[in-house]
Amino acid sequence: MMLGIIKHNFRHLTIPTFVLLYKTMVRSHSDYCCSVWAPYKKGDIEALEKVQKRATKILPSLRHISYPDRLKVCKLTTLHYRQIRGDMIEVYKIVSGKYDSAITPTLIISDTHKTRGNDLRLQKSRLKYDMRKFYFTKRVVDQWNSLPNWVVIANNTNIFKKTN
């Protein structure tokens, strides 16, 4: 619906204008609560990504370019990248105590000191059932543990966002 509004009401769009309209009118809807919902089924991810693929074809100058190249020209990122980045920002806020610990999910910092990884490695718990492997506290552990130490020890959230 929002893509139709952009397409019909803005005939001669420049790339920066399109990106601004797209981010405010379309992508804000798909990114809303992505950390909570976190689509993990291939069909759901493809359906959301298809919206961005279709949106980048609105500009006549980009119609015949491949999707990855259209993203580069528009300086946009994929849904998967934005989801991982959002998860890492939330983990940083939880680990650094930005949220009230009484209401945040439990992320246990590992007490083992391995030679690789960062100083704030999260403890990976075993799962009894497969249905929980996509929960926030389970899906973020490997990604967080793979971040370098200089990223996870950032002084504040804005610095973490810039380095992430």
Protein backbone atom coordinates (compact mmCIF):
# COMPACT_ATOMS: atom_id res chain seq x y z
CA MET A 1 0.00 0.00 0.00
CA MET A 2 2.71 2.49 0.98
CA LEU A 3 4.74 1.58 -2.10
CA GLY A 4 1.72 2.41 -4.23
CA ILE A 5 1.43 5.81 -2.55
CA ILE A 6 5.08 6.55 -3.28
CA LYS A 7 4.84 5.27 -6.85
CA HIS A 8 1.70 7.20 -7.78
CA ASN A 9 2.34 10.47 -5.96
CA PHE A 10 6.04 10.97 -6.67
CA ARG A 11 6.74 10.70 -10.39
CA HIS A 12 10.30 12.05 -10.63
CA LEU A 13 12.25 10.73 -7.66
CA THR A 14 15.94 11.08 -7.07
CA ILE A 15 17.68 8.25 -5.25
CA PRO A 16 18.11 10.19 -1.96
CA THR A 17 14.46 11.27 -2.02
CA PHE A 18 13.31 7.71 -2.71
CA VAL A 19 15.46 6.32 0.10
CA LEU A 20 14.05 8.87 2.55
CA LEU A 21 10.46 8.07 1.53
CA TYR A 22 11.11 4.33 1.59
CA LYS A 23 12.70 4.36 5.03
CA THR A 24 9.94 6.45 6.58
CA MET A 25 6.87 5.03 4.86
CA VAL A 26 7.72 1.39 4.12
CA ARG A 27 10.71 0.05 6.00
CA SER A 28 9.56 1.43 9.33
CA HIS A 29 6.60 -0.97 9.13
CA SER A 30 8.71 -4.04 8.31
CA ASP A 31 11.33 -3.26 10.97
CA TYR A 32 8.84 -2.58 13.75
CA CYS A 33 9.39 -5.10 16.54
CA CYS A 34 11.73 -7.17 14.39
CA SER A 35 13.76 -8.11 17.48
CA VAL A 36 10.67 -9.59 19.08
CA TRP A 37 9.04 -11.19 16.07
CA ALA A 38 12.29 -12.13 14.31
CA PRO A 39 11.12 -13.98 11.24
CA TYR A 40 13.13 -17.18 10.90
CA LYS A 41 11.12 -19.11 8.34
CA LYS A 42 12.52 -18.78 4.85
CA GLY A 43 9.12 -17.87 3.40
CA ASP A 44 8.58 -15.04 5.90
CA ILE A 45 12.03 -13.59 5.29
CA GLU A 46 11.62 -13.80 1.52
CA ALA A 47 8.19 -12.13 1.70
CA LEU A 48 9.60 -9.17 3.64
CA GLU A 49 12.69 -8.93 1.44
CA LYS A 50 10.46 -9.05 -1.65
CA VAL A 51 8.90 -5.75 -0.57
CA GLN A 52 12.31 -4.08 -0.59
CA LYS A 53 13.20 -5.70 -3.92
CA ARG A 54 10.01 -4.34 -5.45
CA ALA A 55 10.51 -0.93 -3.86
CA THR A 56 13.98 -0.47 -5.32
CA LYS A 57 12.56 -1.12 -8.78
CA ILE A 58 10.35 1.98 -8.54
CA LEU A 59 13.21 4.11 -9.78
CA PRO A 60 13.53 3.73 -13.57
CA SER A 61 17.32 4.10 -13.44
CA LEU A 62 17.61 1.07 -11.14
CA ARG A 63 15.11 -1.33 -12.75
CA HIS A 64 17.63 -3.27 -14.80
CA ILE A 65 20.31 -3.56 -12.11
CA SER A 66 20.64 -6.63 -9.89
CA TYR A 67 19.17 -6.45 -6.39
CA PRO A 68 22.52 -6.36 -4.51
CA ASP A 69 23.69 -3.55 -6.79
CA ARG A 70 20.45 -1.62 -6.24
CA LEU A 71 21.04 -1.89 -2.48
CA LYS A 72 24.56 -0.52 -2.88
CA VAL A 73 23.42 2.40 -5.01
CA CYS A 74 20.63 3.26 -2.54
CA LYS A 75 22.88 2.56 0.48
CA LEU A 76 20.30 0.17 1.94
CA THR A 77 20.84 -3.10 3.79
CA THR A 78 19.05 -6.44 3.71
CA LEU A 79 16.43 -7.47 6.26
CA HIS A 80 18.78 -10.15 7.60
CA TYR A 81 21.55 -7.64 8.29
CA ARG A 82 19.18 -5.18 9.99
CA GLN A 83 17.75 -7.98 12.13
CA ILE A 84 21.18 -9.13 13.33
CA ARG A 85 22.31 -5.54 13.96
CA GLY A 86 19.14 -4.81 15.94
CA ASP A 87 19.64 -7.95 18.01
CA MET A 88 23.25 -7.02 18.77
CA ILE A 89 22.23 -3.51 19.85
CA GLU A 90 19.62 -5.00 22.21
CA VAL A 91 22.17 -7.45 23.65
CA TYR A 92 24.62 -4.59 24.20
CA LYS A 93 21.96 -2.62 26.07
CA ILE A 94 21.08 -5.64 28.24
CA VAL A 95 24.70 -6.58 29.01
CA SER A 96 25.74 -3.00 29.75
CA GLY A 97 22.79 -2.46 32.11
CA LYS A 98 20.86 0.11 30.06
CA TYR A 99 17.60 -1.70 30.83
CA ASP A 100 16.06 -2.66 34.15
CA SER A 101 17.41 -6.14 34.95
CA ALA A 102 14.06 -7.21 36.43
CA ILE A 103 12.34 -7.07 33.04
CA THR A 104 15.10 -8.04 30.60
CA PRO A 105 15.75 -11.56 29.36
CA THR A 106 18.46 -13.43 31.20
CA LEU A 107 21.78 -13.43 29.36
CA ILE A 108 24.50 -15.10 31.41
CA ILE A 109 28.06 -13.89 30.88
CA SER A 110 30.41 -16.85 30.67
CA ASP A 111 33.07 -17.15 33.37
CA THR A 112 35.43 -19.20 31.21
CA HIS A 113 38.26 -17.21 29.69
CA LYS A 114 39.12 -18.62 26.31
CA THR A 115 41.84 -17.17 24.14
CA ARG A 116 39.39 -16.23 21.41
CA GLY A 117 36.36 -14.01 21.50
CA ASN A 118 35.45 -11.04 23.62
CA ASP A 119 35.55 -10.43 27.37
CA LEU A 120 31.75 -10.41 27.60
CA ARG A 121 31.09 -13.81 26.03
CA LEU A 122 27.63 -15.16 26.70
CA GLN A 123 27.08 -18.63 28.06
CA LYS A 124 25.40 -20.94 25.59
CA SER A 125 22.79 -23.16 27.15
CA ARG A 126 21.63 -26.45 25.74
CA LEU A 127 18.15 -26.78 24.39
CA LYS A 128 15.87 -29.66 25.16
CA TYR A 129 13.48 -28.88 22.32
CA ASP A 130 14.04 -27.38 18.87
CA MET A 131 11.11 -25.01 19.21
CA ARG A 132 13.14 -22.69 21.46
CA LYS A 133 16.16 -22.27 19.21
CA PHE A 134 14.77 -19.07 17.69
CA TYR A 135 14.10 -17.31 21.02
CA PHE A 136 15.98 -14.05 21.46
CA THR A 137 18.19 -15.38 24.26
CA LYS A 138 19.21 -18.37 22.15
CA ARG A 139 19.63 -16.87 18.69
CA VAL A 140 21.91 -13.99 19.75
CA VAL A 141 24.59 -15.92 21.66
CA ASP A 142 26.75 -17.11 18.75
CA GLN A 143 26.56 -13.78 16.96
CA TRP A 144 27.44 -11.82 20.12
CA ASN A 145 30.32 -14.14 20.98
CA SER A 146 31.78 -13.68 17.50
CA LEU A 147 32.08 -9.89 17.94
CA PRO A 148 35.58 -8.57 18.65
CA ASN A 149 36.39 -7.26 22.11
CA TRP A 150 36.85 -3.63 21.00
CA VAL A 151 33.22 -3.60 19.81
CA VAL A 152 31.54 -5.07 22.91
CA ILE A 153 33.40 -2.82 25.36
CA ALA A 154 32.13 0.38 23.72
CA ASN A 155 31.47 3.25 26.14
CA ASN A 156 27.91 3.92 25.03
CA THR A 157 25.22 2.70 22.68
CA ASN A 158 25.99 5.21 19.92
CA ILE A 159 29.63 4.13 19.76
CA PHE A 160 28.52 0.49 19.68
CA LYS A 161 26.13 1.24 16.80
CA LYS A 162 28.87 2.93 14.78
CA THR A 163 31.34 0.07 15.25
CA ASN A 164 28.79 -2.66 14.73
